[in-house]
Amino acid sequence: MDLHQRARCGVQQAEWWRGAVLYQVYPRSFADSDGDGIGDLPGLLGRLDHIARLGVDGIWLCPVYASPQRDFGYDVADHCAIDPAFGSLADFDRVLQAAHARGLKLLVDLVGGHTSDQHPWFAASRRSRSGPMADWYVWADPAPDGMPPNNWLSVFGGSAWSWEPRRRQYFLHHFLPSQPTLNLQTPQAMEALLDIARFWLDRGVDGFRLDAVDFLTHDLALRSNPAAPAPGGQVPAKLFALQRHDHDMIQPASLGVLRRIRALLDEYPGTVALGEVSSQDGAFDRIAAYTGAPDLLHMAYTLRPLRHGFDRPTLEALLRDAIAATARGWPCWSFSNHDVERAATRWAPGGRADGRFTRLLLALLLTLPGSACLYQGEELGLPEAQLQEDEIRDPFGIAYWPEFKGRDGSRTPMPWTGGERFAGFTEAWSCPWLPVPAAHRALAVDAQERDPHSLLRFTRALLWLRRDEPALRRGETSPLDLPAPLLGFRREAAGRRVDLVFNLSGEPAALPPGLVGGRCGLGGFGAPDGVLPAHGFALLVPATAPVRDLAPAK
């Protein structure tokens, strides 16, 4: 290998994240090893082979830090300790070592915008207006009439301000009142966050998923937000939508926070930062802004596509945004995660997905330009769990039931063995923290492993194809001019070309003659008779191009 080849190989290894697929693990619901009904790190360790065999590049692990669990881990009380419900630091180190031994990267959540109100930092800050941590959180005097300093609203409902009698001031919380907002514009608080990041980087993690980056800083003048028109002309259940969030979030100062984090990551070659961007207007522009410079994030995803329907105009706009964002930065795609209804239900015609539609969703997710996150159970086609009010644990859902049923429907336990009492998730005598839906048992891993035509086998085949095909992993993207109901785009790289065509309707649709003339079915996916079935898709290569062999879907 000459010097140029070595340099190119080094760049590719350092940029492993370009085109990578991360498997998101929500640990409370992945695998329980000790029978307490809550998933844990030893349980994850015992199921790592399932993740590795999928063909993903790494894992995004949701929080396992010490926490009172009011927001199920996103209310951190100690960023450098593992909550006993999940295990210990030694358990974490074993998971990290085992993941690396299987060729998997491991990203952990860095929750930097807020802490639990039980964090020692907040205990010190709330005690008085003087002291070394007095300004580590966002404090404000009351208005002359005793009301909060402005009209900012919490995402979870009500005012974003809570009164603290010891300081005679309000503190800001963008989410639950038990999640006070850190003031990262205070240098000492920013340094403390970097120390936390350094702690985990020194243990060997491969980077961070940065929670809620749009909320990292705020308008220091605390100006009130202007009103926004009511969606659809009606007052929504979630009043957060009745404001334009000009001052409580999406501030230029956040770029400074991201630069500090990136500078630290650059001290650890090969580590990366994945940012979560809100669904507020301009989400893809912010992805480009947050990832478009070498001193900012490596990649970012947004929940915005998850808030809209699955129709041709929406997907055409998504494709345009994807191409633009890739040209200016690096997007990451997430169709399902722990905060939203599962895509297999949310986007399915009539809310009931069949196997063909679920395959179409996965094919789109795994062929769009950029990187991708695959949420646990998405490879099984799990639908959203339909829970009763007394089964809800999410404080968001409890507050808004029944207009909004919360996030628990996407957080139910992973079904491993359908015939066992709790589908192999736990051996607990009593029920796990959330119930195992009956509809999920038939989709359990063991059943899909036995079925050569299962969605699990399909997902594994598509992921291995993506790893092997440079056009799908890092290729340039251009839209195809196709008649409705077809949607398509072309990926090109290293002399390879792949055309992706999706039938968005519930009826068969003929491929245009120009596409039929190409070779259909790269890796076995195609429409050899020139017709896509209802909700079918095809991966097409030129007739003269060699078709790469598909890695066996064992």
Protein backbone atom coordinates (compact mmCIF):
# COMPACT_ATOMS: atom_id res chain seq x y z
CA MET A 1 0.00 0.00 0.00
CA ASP A 2 1.55 3.32 -1.08
CA LEU A 3 1.38 6.61 0.83
CA HIS A 4 -1.63 7.88 -1.13
CA GLN A 5 -3.55 4.65 -0.47
CA ARG A 6 -2.70 4.83 3.23
CA ALA A 7 -3.88 8.43 3.43
CA ARG A 8 -7.10 7.57 1.65
CA CYS A 9 -7.68 4.59 3.96
CA GLY A 10 -7.03 6.78 7.00
CA VAL A 11 -9.59 9.35 5.84
CA GLN A 12 -12.16 6.62 5.23
CA GLN A 13 -11.63 5.20 8.71
CA ALA A 14 -11.84 8.64 10.31
CA GLU A 15 -15.01 9.34 8.34
CA TRP A 16 -16.64 5.97 9.07
CA TRP A 17 -19.81 7.87 9.95
CA ARG A 18 -20.46 9.02 6.37
CA GLY A 19 -23.20 6.74 5.17
CA ALA A 20 -23.14 4.73 8.40
CA VAL A 21 -26.21 3.15 9.98
CA LEU A 22 -26.58 3.35 13.76
CA TYR A 23 -28.85 1.02 15.69
CA GLN A 24 -30.65 2.95 18.44
CA VAL A 25 -30.96 1.04 21.72
CA TYR A 26 -33.51 2.24 24.28
CA PRO A 27 -32.02 0.23 27.16
CA ARG A 28 -35.06 0.09 29.46
CA SER A 29 -36.87 -1.91 26.80
CA PHE A 30 -34.13 -3.88 25.02
CA ALA A 31 -33.26 -6.86 27.25
CA ASP A 32 -33.57 -7.47 31.01
CA SER A 33 -30.96 -9.75 32.58
CA ASP A 34 -31.92 -9.70 36.27
CA GLY A 35 -35.70 -10.13 36.24
CA ASP A 36 -36.66 -6.71 37.60
CA GLY A 37 -38.66 -5.89 34.44
CA ILE A 38 -36.27 -3.14 33.29
CA GLY A 39 -33.77 -3.62 30.49
CA ASP A 40 -30.13 -3.24 31.48
CA LEU A 41 -26.54 -3.28 30.25
CA PRO A 42 -25.93 -7.02 30.87
CA GLY A 43 -29.08 -7.68 28.88
CA LEU A 44 -27.71 -5.57 26.02
CA LEU A 45 -24.41 -7.44 26.25
CA GLY A 46 -26.23 -10.72 25.77
CA ARG A 47 -27.98 -9.46 22.62
CA LEU A 48 -25.08 -7.70 20.88
CA ASP A 49 -24.80 -10.46 18.31
CA HIS A 50 -28.29 -9.63 17.03
CA ILE A 51 -27.19 -6.05 16.37
CA ALA A 52 -23.86 -7.05 14.82
CA ARG A 53 -25.47 -9.56 12.46
CA LEU A 54 -27.78 -6.88 11.08
CA GLY A 55 -24.87 -5.20 9.34
CA VAL A 56 -25.09 -1.81 11.07
CA ASP A 57 -21.98 0.23 11.79
CA GLY A 58 -22.63 1.17 15.38
CA ILE A 59 -24.98 1.68 18.29
CA TRP A 60 -26.57 4.81 19.69
CA LEU A 61 -27.21 4.02 23.35
CA CYS A 62 -29.88 6.12 25.06
CA PRO A 63 -29.05 7.35 28.60
CA VAL A 64 -28.03 4.88 31.29
CA TYR A 65 -26.80 7.56 33.71
CA ALA A 66 -27.85 7.89 37.33
CA SER A 67 -31.31 9.46 37.28
CA PRO A 68 -34.58 9.67 39.24
CA GLN A 69 -36.14 8.47 35.96
CA ARG A 70 -38.90 11.07 35.85
CA ASP A 71 -38.17 11.40 32.13
CA PHE A 72 -36.69 7.91 31.98
CA GLY A 73 -33.03 8.83 31.85
CA TYR A 74 -33.11 12.21 30.16
CA ASP A 75 -33.18 13.79 33.63
CA VAL A 76 -29.57 13.12 34.62
CA ALA A 77 -28.50 13.33 38.27
CA ASP A 78 -24.89 12.18 37.71
CA HIS A 79 -23.44 12.19 34.20
CA CYS A 80 -20.48 9.99 35.16
CA ALA A 81 -22.32 7.19 36.97
CA ILE A 82 -24.51 4.35 35.73
CA ASP A 83 -27.98 4.08 37.24
CA PRO A 84 -28.19 0.87 39.32
CA ALA A 85 -31.29 -0.16 37.33
CA PHE A 86 -29.01 -0.52 34.30
CA GLY A 87 -25.94 -1.99 35.99
CA SER A 88 -22.53 -0.53 36.73
CA LEU A 89 -19.61 1.21 35.06
CA ALA A 90 -17.96 -2.20 34.81
CA ASP A 91 -21.02 -3.44 32.89
CA PHE A 92 -20.76 -0.45 30.58
CA ASP A 93 -17.09 -1.15 29.93
CA ARG A 94 -17.93 -4.76 29.07
CA VAL A 95 -20.59 -3.64 26.59
CA LEU A 96 -18.16 -1.17 25.02
CA GLN A 97 -15.40 -3.76 24.72
CA ALA A 98 -17.77 -6.38 23.30
CA ALA A 99 -19.22 -3.92 20.78
CA HIS A 100 -15.76 -3.00 19.57
CA ALA A 101 -14.82 -6.68 19.32
CA ARG A 102 -17.77 -7.09 16.91
CA GLY A 103 -16.73 -4.12 14.80
CA LEU A 104 -19.45 -1.86 16.22
CA LYS A 105 -18.94 1.76 17.21
CA LEU A 106 -20.73 2.99 20.35
CA LEU A 107 -22.22 6.47 20.71
CA VAL A 108 -23.78 7.54 24.00
CA ASP A 109 -26.25 10.31 24.70
CA LEU A 110 -24.75 13.60 25.87
CA VAL A 111 -27.61 15.43 27.57
CA GLY A 112 -26.11 18.88 27.85
CA GLY A 113 -29.06 21.25 27.82
CA HIS A 114 -30.50 20.34 31.19
CA THR A 115 -30.08 18.11 34.24
CA SER A 116 -32.31 16.58 36.87
CA ASP A 117 -33.34 18.86 39.71
CA GLN A 118 -31.60 16.26 41.91
CA HIS A 119 -28.22 16.92 40.31
CA PRO A 120 -25.65 18.29 42.81
CA TRP A 121 -25.07 21.21 40.46
CA PHE A 122 -28.68 22.32 40.74
CA ALA A 123 -28.75 21.76 44.49
CA ALA A 124 -25.86 24.21 44.78
CA SER A 125 -27.29 26.67 42.25
CA ARG A 126 -30.74 26.89 43.81
CA ARG A 127 -29.35 27.47 47.30
CA SER A 128 -28.55 31.16 46.80
CA ARG A 129 -27.64 33.79 44.24
CA SER A 130 -24.00 33.64 45.29
CA GLY A 131 -21.62 30.73 45.12
CA PRO A 132 -19.53 29.06 42.43
CA MET A 133 -22.53 27.43 40.68
CA ALA A 134 -25.06 30.23 41.12
CA ASP A 135 -25.15 30.98 37.38
CA TRP A 136 -24.91 27.42 36.05
CA TYR A 137 -28.66 27.41 35.38
CA VAL A 138 -31.00 29.99 33.83
CA TRP A 139 -32.46 32.15 36.59
CA ALA A 140 -34.65 35.26 36.29
CA ASP A 141 -36.43 37.67 38.59
CA PRO A 142 -40.22 37.68 38.54
CA ALA A 143 -42.19 40.28 36.66
CA PRO A 144 -43.51 43.14 38.85
CA ASP A 145 -46.79 41.27 39.32
CA GLY A 146 -45.01 38.09 40.42
CA MET A 147 -45.54 36.27 37.14
CA PRO A 148 -42.69 34.62 35.18
CA PRO A 149 -40.28 36.93 33.35
CA ASN A 150 -41.72 36.13 29.91
CA ASN A 151 -44.21 33.96 28.06
CA TRP A 152 -41.98 31.01 27.19
CA LEU A 153 -43.73 27.64 27.21
CA SER A 154 -42.49 24.20 28.14
CA VAL A 155 -42.62 21.51 25.44
CA PHE A 156 -44.39 19.32 28.01
CA GLY A 157 -47.02 21.95 28.79
CA GLY A 158 -47.47 25.10 30.87
CA SER A 159 -44.96 27.81 31.59
CA ALA A 160 -41.28 27.09 31.02
CA TRP A 161 -40.54 28.76 34.36
CA SER A 162 -40.83 27.43 37.93
CA TRP A 163 -40.50 29.43 41.13
CA GLU A 164 -37.64 28.76 43.54
CA PRO A 165 -38.39 30.41 46.92
CA ARG A 166 -34.83 30.05 48.23
CA ARG A 167 -33.45 32.32 45.51
CA ARG A 168 -36.65 34.34 45.06
CA GLN A 169 -36.25 33.68 41.33
CA TYR A 170 -37.69 31.58 38.56
CA PHE A 171 -35.65 28.87 36.81
CA LEU A 172 -36.08 27.85 33.18
CA HIS A 173 -37.05 24.33 32.12
CA HIS A 174 -37.84 23.53 28.49
CA PHE A 175 -39.32 20.14 29.41
CA LEU A 176 -40.41 18.89 32.85
CA PRO A 177 -40.10 21.23 35.87
CA SER A 178 -37.71 18.59 37.25
CA GLN A 179 -35.37 19.24 34.28
CA PRO A 180 -33.84 22.69 34.90
CA THR A 181 -32.01 24.22 31.93
CA LEU A 182 -28.24 24.51 32.14
CA ASN A 183 -26.78 27.89 31.25
CA LEU A 184 -24.04 26.86 28.83
CA GLN A 185 -23.29 30.52 28.21
CA THR A 186 -21.68 30.47 31.65
CA PRO A 187 -18.06 29.42 30.98
CA GLN A 188 -17.77 27.21 34.06
CA ALA A 189 -20.91 25.24 33.16
CA MET A 190 -19.62 24.73 29.63
CA GLU A 191 -16.29 23.47 30.95
CA ALA A 192 -18.11 21.06 33.26
CA LEU A 193 -20.01 19.63 30.31
CA LEU A 194 -16.76 19.17 28.39
CA ASP A 195 -15.28 17.36 31.40
CA ILE A 196 -18.20 14.93 31.28
CA ALA A 197 -17.64 14.34 27.57
CA ARG A 198 -13.94 13.78 28.23
CA PHE A 199 -14.77 11.21 30.92
CA TRP A 200 -16.66 9.05 28.41
CA LEU A 201 -14.20 9.61 25.57
CA ASP A 202 -11.40 8.45 27.85
CA ARG A 203 -13.38 5.25 28.47
CA GLY A 204 -13.34 4.66 24.73
CA VAL A 205 -16.76 5.69 23.39
CA ASP A 206 -16.85 6.64 19.73
CA GLY A 207 -18.82 9.84 20.16
CA PHE A 208 -22.11 11.31 21.23
CA ARG A 209 -25.66 11.81 20.20
CA LEU A 210 -26.35 15.38 21.36
CA ASP A 211 -29.84 15.74 22.80
CA ALA A 212 -32.05 18.65 21.68
CA VAL A 213 -29.36 20.89 20.20
CA ASP A 214 -31.88 23.62 19.33
CA PHE A 215 -32.41 24.18 23.07
CA LEU A 216 -28.76 24.53 24.09
CA THR A 217 -28.84 28.33 24.38
CA HIS A 218 -31.44 31.08 24.79
CA ASP A 219 -31.89 34.82 24.29
CA LEU A 220 -30.02 36.46 27.16
CA ALA A 221 -32.46 39.39 27.11
CA LEU A 222 -35.31 36.92 27.82
CA ARG A 223 -37.61 38.53 25.28
CA SER A 224 -41.08 37.00 24.96
CA ASN A 225 -41.89 34.90 21.92
CA PRO A 226 -44.36 36.26 19.38
CA ALA A 227 -47.64 34.42 18.84
CA ALA A 228 -48.07 31.92 16.02
CA PRO A 229 -51.32 31.15 14.20
CA ALA A 230 -53.21 28.23 15.66
CA PRO A 231 -52.61 25.11 13.53
CA GLY A 232 -55.73 24.51 11.46
CA GLY A 233 -57.38 27.48 13.14
CA GLN A 234 -58.02 25.51 16.33
CA VAL A 235 -56.37 25.70 19.74
CA PRO A 236 -54.07 22.66 19.90
CA ALA A 237 -53.75 20.35 22.90
CA LYS A 238 -50.06 21.28 23.05
CA LEU A 239 -49.87 25.04 23.47
CA PHE A 240 -46.19 25.06 22.48
CA ALA A 241 -47.41 25.36 18.88
CA LEU A 242 -49.02 28.76 19.59
CA GLN A 243 -45.68 30.57 19.68
CA ARG A 244 -42.93 31.37 17.23
CA HIS A 245 -39.90 30.18 19.14
CA ASP A 246 -37.66 33.08 18.25
CA HIS A 247 -36.05 33.59 21.65
CA ASP A 248 -36.28 30.46 23.80
CA MET A 249 -34.44 28.20 21.31
CA ILE A 250 -32.48 28.12 18.01
CA GLN A 251 -30.02 30.85 18.99
CA PRO A 252 -26.74 31.70 17.19
CA ALA A 253 -24.86 31.12 20.45
CA SER A 254 -25.54 27.40 20.11
CA LEU A 255 -22.93 27.26 17.36
CA GLY A 256 -20.33 28.27 19.93
CA VAL A 257 -21.37 25.37 22.17
CA LEU A 258 -21.14 22.93 19.26
CA ARG A 259 -17.68 24.24 18.33
CA ARG A 260 -16.40 23.59 21.85
CA ILE A 261 -17.71 20.02 21.74
CA ARG A 262 -16.27 19.42 18.27
CA ALA A 263 -12.87 20.77 19.33
CA LEU A 264 -12.82 18.20 22.13
CA LEU A 265 -13.85 15.39 19.80
CA ASP A 266 -11.06 16.33 17.42
CA GLU A 267 -8.64 15.40 20.21
CA TYR A 268 -9.96 11.82 19.89
CA PRO A 269 -9.59 10.82 16.22
CA GLY A 270 -12.50 8.90 14.75
CA THR A 271 -15.07 10.11 17.29
CA VAL A 272 -18.22 11.84 16.09
CA ALA A 273 -21.17 13.98 17.15
CA LEU A 274 -24.74 13.32 15.98
CA GLY A 275 -27.14 16.17 16.77
CA GLU A 276 -30.89 16.03 17.31
CA VAL A 277 -32.59 18.96 15.56
CA SER A 278 -36.14 19.93 16.47
CA SER A 279 -39.10 19.87 14.08
CA GLN A 280 -39.44 23.67 14.05
CA ASP A 281 -39.49 25.35 10.62
CA GLY A 282 -36.17 25.38 8.78
CA ALA A 283 -34.99 22.08 10.26
CA PHE A 284 -33.00 21.04 7.19
CA ASP A 285 -31.41 24.47 6.95
CA ARG A 286 -30.26 24.03 10.54
CA ILE A 287 -28.89 20.57 9.74
CA ALA A 288 -26.81 22.19 7.01
CA ALA A 289 -25.76 25.00 9.36
CA TYR A 290 -24.86 22.63 12.21
CA THR A 291 -22.92 20.18 10.01
CA GLY A 292 -21.66 22.32 7.15
CA ALA A 293 -18.34 23.37 8.69
CA PRO A 294 -15.42 21.23 9.87
CA ASP A 295 -15.59 22.71 13.37
CA LEU A 296 -19.24 21.79 14.04
CA LEU A 297 -21.27 18.57 14.19
CA HIS A 298 -20.45 15.64 11.95
CA MET A 299 -24.11 14.81 11.26
CA ALA A 300 -27.60 15.67 12.48
CA TYR A 301 -31.15 14.38 12.18
CA THR A 302 -34.50 16.05 12.62
CA LEU A 303 -37.89 14.89 13.79
CA ARG A 304 -39.58 17.08 11.18
CA PRO A 305 -40.24 14.34 8.57
CA LEU A 306 -41.82 12.31 11.36
CA ARG A 307 -44.49 14.97 11.86
CA HIS A 308 -45.95 14.76 8.34
CA GLY A 309 -47.89 12.27 6.25
CA PHE A 310 -46.48 9.71 3.81
CA ASP A 311 -47.56 11.11 0.45
CA ARG A 312 -45.85 12.05 -2.79
CA PRO A 313 -45.65 15.85 -2.24
CA THR A 314 -44.23 15.34 1.26
CA LEU A 315 -41.67 12.82 0.06
CA GLU A 316 -40.70 14.97 -2.94
CA ALA A 317 -40.01 17.82 -0.51
CA LEU A 318 -38.09 15.46 1.76
CA LEU A 319 -35.96 14.33 -1.17
CA ARG A 320 -35.22 17.92 -2.17
CA ASP A 321 -34.26 18.71 1.42
CA ALA A 322 -32.10 15.59 1.58
CA ILE A 323 -30.17 16.50 -1.56
CA ALA A 324 -29.69 20.11 -0.45
CA ALA A 325 -28.64 19.12 3.09
CA THR A 326 -26.12 16.60 1.77
CA ALA A 327 -24.62 19.22 -0.53
CA ARG A 328 -24.12 21.65 2.37
CA GLY A 329 -23.68 19.33 5.35
CA TRP A 330 -24.48 15.76 6.35
CA PRO A 331 -27.99 14.62 7.34
CA CYS A 332 -28.86 11.50 9.27
CA TRP A 333 -32.29 9.89 8.87
CA SER A 334 -34.58 8.57 11.57
CA PHE A 335 -38.10 7.37 10.77
CA SER A 336 -38.82 5.88 14.22
CA ASN A 337 -37.36 6.46 17.66
CA HIS A 338 -38.21 6.60 21.36
CA ASP A 339 -39.96 9.99 21.05
CA VAL A 340 -42.45 9.37 18.24
CA GLU A 341 -45.03 6.89 17.05
CA ARG A 342 -43.47 3.99 15.17
CA ALA A 343 -43.37 4.58 11.41
CA ALA A 344 -44.97 1.22 10.64
CA THR A 345 -48.17 2.61 12.18
CA ARG A 346 -47.77 6.35 11.73
CA TRP A 347 -47.34 6.26 7.95
CA ALA A 348 -49.22 3.09 7.02
CA PRO A 349 -52.38 3.50 4.94
CA GLY A 350 -55.22 3.49 7.44
CA GLY A 351 -52.73 3.00 10.25
CA ARG A 352 -52.35 -0.70 9.43
CA ALA A 353 -49.07 -1.64 7.76
CA ASP A 354 -48.57 -4.82 5.77
CA GLY A 355 -45.18 -6.36 5.16
CA ARG A 356 -44.77 -4.77 1.73
CA PHE A 357 -45.34 -1.24 3.01
CA THR A 358 -42.94 -1.79 5.93
CA ARG A 359 -40.31 -2.99 3.47
CA LEU A 360 -40.82 0.15 1.41
CA LEU A 361 -40.24 2.30 4.51
CA LEU A 362 -37.02 0.50 5.36
CA ALA A 363 -35.82 0.65 1.76
CA LEU A 364 -36.38 4.42 1.68
CA LEU A 365 -34.70 4.96 5.06
CA LEU A 366 -31.64 2.94 4.04
CA THR A 367 -31.15 4.42 0.56
CA LEU A 368 -31.62 8.17 1.19
CA PRO A 369 -28.39 10.18 1.00
CA GLY A 370 -26.62 10.61 4.32
CA SER A 371 -26.47 8.36 7.37
CA ALA A 372 -29.35 6.64 9.17
CA CYS A 373 -30.60 5.51 12.56
CA LEU A 374 -32.51 2.25 12.85
CA TYR A 375 -34.62 2.10 16.02
CA GLN A 376 -34.79 -1.17 17.94
CA GLY A 377 -37.68 -3.27 16.64
CA GLU A 378 -37.81 -1.40 13.34
CA GLU A 379 -36.03 -4.36 11.75
CA LEU A 380 -38.97 -6.48 12.91
CA GLY A 381 -41.65 -4.14 11.58
CA LEU A 382 -43.09 -3.55 15.04
CA PRO A 383 -46.27 -1.43 14.97
CA GLU A 384 -47.05 1.15 17.62
CA ALA A 385 -48.30 -0.50 20.81
CA GLN A 386 -51.84 0.46 21.78
CA LEU A 387 -51.76 0.96 25.55
CA GLN A 388 -54.50 1.70 28.05
CA GLU A 389 -54.42 4.82 30.19
CA ASP A 390 -53.39 2.89 33.32
CA GLU A 391 -50.43 1.39 31.42
CA ILE A 392 -48.92 4.76 30.49
CA ARG A 393 -45.70 5.72 32.30
CA ASP A 394 -44.61 8.70 30.18
CA PRO A 395 -45.30 11.99 32.00
CA PHE A 396 -45.95 13.62 28.63
CA GLY A 397 -48.69 11.09 27.86
CA ILE A 398 -50.16 11.21 31.36
CA ALA A 399 -50.54 14.99 31.07
CA TYR A 400 -52.16 14.95 27.62
CA TRP A 401 -54.22 11.75 27.58
CA PRO A 402 -56.23 11.00 25.47
CA GLU A 403 -55.47 13.74 22.89
CA PHE A 404 -51.83 12.64 22.97
CA LYS A 405 -51.07 9.19 24.37
CA GLY A 406 -47.41 9.82 25.00
CA ARG A 407 -44.29 8.04 23.84
CA ASP A 408 -44.72 4.69 25.55
CA GLY A 409 -46.27 3.07 22.49
CA SER A 410 -42.85 3.11 20.82
CA ARG A 411 -41.00 2.07 23.99
CA THR A 412 -42.52 -1.31 24.81
CA PRO A 413 -40.14 -4.27 25.35
CA MET A 414 -38.28 -5.87 22.47
CA PRO A 415 -39.82 -9.27 21.60
CA TRP A 416 -37.12 -11.92 21.38
CA THR A 417 -38.98 -15.21 21.74
CA GLY A 418 -42.69 -15.04 21.03
CA GLY A 419 -43.66 -18.14 23.01
CA GLU A 420 -42.27 -17.00 26.34
CA ARG A 421 -44.33 -15.16 28.95
CA PHE A 422 -42.85 -11.73 28.24
CA ALA A 423 -41.53 -12.57 24.77
CA GLY A 424 -38.06 -13.25 26.16
CA PHE A 425 -37.49 -9.67 27.27
CA THR A 426 -37.43 -10.58 30.97
CA GLU A 427 -37.90 -13.49 33.35
CA ALA A 428 -39.63 -11.24 35.88
CA TRP A 429 -42.43 -12.75 37.96
CA SER A 430 -44.49 -9.60 37.60
CA CYS A 431 -45.06 -7.47 34.50
CA PRO A 432 -42.16 -5.52 32.99
CA TRP A 433 -42.16 -1.74 33.20
CA LEU A 434 -44.32 -1.61 30.05
CA PRO A 435 -46.47 -4.47 28.73
CA VAL A 436 -45.52 -6.66 25.80
CA PRO A 437 -48.25 -6.22 23.14
CA ALA A 438 -49.81 -9.41 21.83
CA ALA A 439 -49.33 -8.12 18.26
CA HIS A 440 -45.56 -8.05 18.81
CA ARG A 441 -45.24 -11.73 19.77
CA ALA A 442 -45.80 -12.97 16.23
CA LEU A 443 -43.03 -10.60 15.08
CA ALA A 444 -40.47 -11.80 17.64
CA VAL A 445 -36.87 -12.31 16.61
CA ASP A 446 -36.96 -16.10 16.93
CA ALA A 447 -39.94 -16.42 14.58
CA GLN A 448 -38.40 -14.10 11.99
CA GLU A 449 -35.06 -15.90 12.13
CA ARG A 450 -36.85 -19.11 11.07
CA ASP A 451 -38.66 -17.43 8.17
CA PRO A 452 -36.41 -16.83 5.12
CA HIS A 453 -38.91 -14.22 3.85
CA SER A 454 -39.24 -12.29 7.10
CA LEU A 455 -38.73 -8.55 7.50
CA LEU A 456 -35.72 -9.24 9.72
CA ARG A 457 -34.04 -11.22 6.93
CA PHE A 458 -34.97 -8.48 4.45
CA THR A 459 -33.52 -5.74 6.67
CA ARG A 460 -30.31 -7.68 7.18
CA ALA A 461 -29.95 -8.23 3.43
CA LEU A 462 -30.56 -4.56 2.65
CA LEU A 463 -28.08 -3.40 5.30
CA TRP A 464 -25.35 -5.69 4.01
CA LEU A 465 -26.09 -4.52 0.48
CA ARG A 466 -25.72 -0.92 1.61
CA ARG A 467 -22.35 -1.71 3.21
CA ASP A 468 -21.13 -3.33 -0.01
CA GLU A 469 -22.50 -0.82 -2.52
CA PRO A 470 -20.62 2.54 -2.57
CA ALA A 471 -23.41 4.24 -4.50
CA LEU A 472 -25.86 3.55 -1.65
CA ARG A 473 -23.45 4.46 1.13
CA ARG A 474 -21.87 7.70 -0.08
CA GLY A 475 -23.15 8.24 -3.60
CA GLU A 476 -24.27 11.55 -5.06
CA THR A 477 -28.05 11.88 -5.35
CA SER A 478 -30.30 13.26 -8.07
CA PRO A 479 -34.09 12.96 -8.44
CA LEU A 480 -35.65 10.88 -11.19
CA ASP A 481 -38.44 12.41 -13.28
CA LEU A 482 -41.17 9.82 -12.78
CA PRO A 483 -44.95 9.93 -13.12
CA ALA A 484 -47.19 9.58 -10.09
CA PRO A 485 -47.50 7.44 -8.07
CA LEU A 486 -43.79 6.65 -8.51
CA LEU A 487 -41.02 8.46 -6.67
CA GLY A 488 -37.36 7.83 -7.38
CA PHE A 489 -33.80 9.02 -7.22
CA ARG A 490 -30.36 8.02 -8.51
CA ARG A 491 -27.27 7.30 -6.39
CA GLU A 492 -23.85 7.38 -8.08
CA ALA A 493 -20.34 6.75 -6.74
CA ALA A 494 -17.06 5.17 -7.85
CA GLY A 495 -18.42 4.42 -11.31
CA ARG A 496 -21.49 2.70 -9.86
CA ARG A 497 -25.08 3.81 -10.46
CA VAL A 498 -28.22 2.67 -8.69
CA ASP A 499 -31.75 3.91 -9.41
CA LEU A 500 -34.26 3.66 -6.56
CA VAL A 501 -37.94 3.63 -7.48
CA PHE A 502 -40.83 3.51 -4.99
CA ASN A 503 -44.52 2.91 -5.69
CA LEU A 504 -46.39 5.07 -3.18
CA SER A 505 -49.83 3.76 -4.09
CA GLY A 506 -51.88 0.76 -3.11
CA GLU A 507 -52.11 -0.36 -6.75
CA PRO A 508 -49.49 -1.84 -9.12
CA ALA A 509 -47.61 0.71 -11.24
CA ALA A 510 -45.59 0.20 -14.43
CA LEU A 511 -42.00 1.39 -14.57
CA PRO A 512 -41.18 3.82 -17.42
CA PRO A 513 -39.59 2.06 -20.42
CA GLY A 514 -36.22 3.71 -19.86
CA LEU A 515 -35.92 2.14 -16.46
CA VAL A 516 -37.22 -1.24 -17.54
CA GLY A 517 -34.35 -1.37 -20.02
CA GLY A 518 -31.89 -1.44 -17.15
CA ARG A 519 -31.02 -4.48 -15.15
CA CYS A 520 -33.53 -4.94 -12.34
CA GLY A 521 -33.06 -6.34 -8.94
CA LEU A 522 -29.67 -5.31 -7.57
CA GLY A 523 -29.21 -7.76 -4.74
CA GLY A 524 -32.55 -9.37 -5.51
CA PHE A 525 -34.67 -6.21 -5.10
CA GLY A 526 -36.52 -5.24 -8.25
CA ALA A 527 -39.41 -5.55 -10.66
CA PRO A 528 -38.28 -8.01 -13.34
CA ASP A 529 -41.58 -7.78 -15.23
CA GLY A 530 -41.42 -3.98 -15.32
CA VAL A 531 -44.28 -3.55 -12.85
CA LEU A 532 -43.97 -2.51 -9.22
CA PRO A 533 -46.60 -4.07 -6.97
CA ALA A 534 -48.59 -1.95 -4.55
CA HIS A 535 -46.13 -0.24 -2.19
CA GLY A 536 -43.31 -2.01 -3.97
CA PHE A 537 -39.85 -0.70 -4.72
CA ALA A 538 -36.94 -1.54 -6.99
CA LEU A 539 -33.17 -1.04 -6.97
CA LEU A 540 -32.05 -0.86 -10.58
CA VAL A 541 -28.59 -0.83 -12.19
CA PRO A 542 -27.63 -0.38 -15.87
CA ALA A 543 -27.83 -3.53 -17.94
CA THR A 544 -24.07 -3.41 -18.56
CA ALA A 545 -23.09 -3.02 -14.92
CA PRO A 546 -21.98 -6.01 -12.85
CA VAL A 547 -24.41 -6.79 -10.06
CA ARG A 548 -22.72 -7.20 -6.70
CA ASP A 549 -23.47 -10.37 -4.81
CA LEU A 550 -25.63 -9.86 -1.77
CA ALA A 551 -24.16 -10.94 1.57
CA PRO A 552 -26.09 -13.95 2.83
CA ALA A 553 -29.04 -13.02 5.03
CA LYS A 554 -28.44 -15.65 7.67
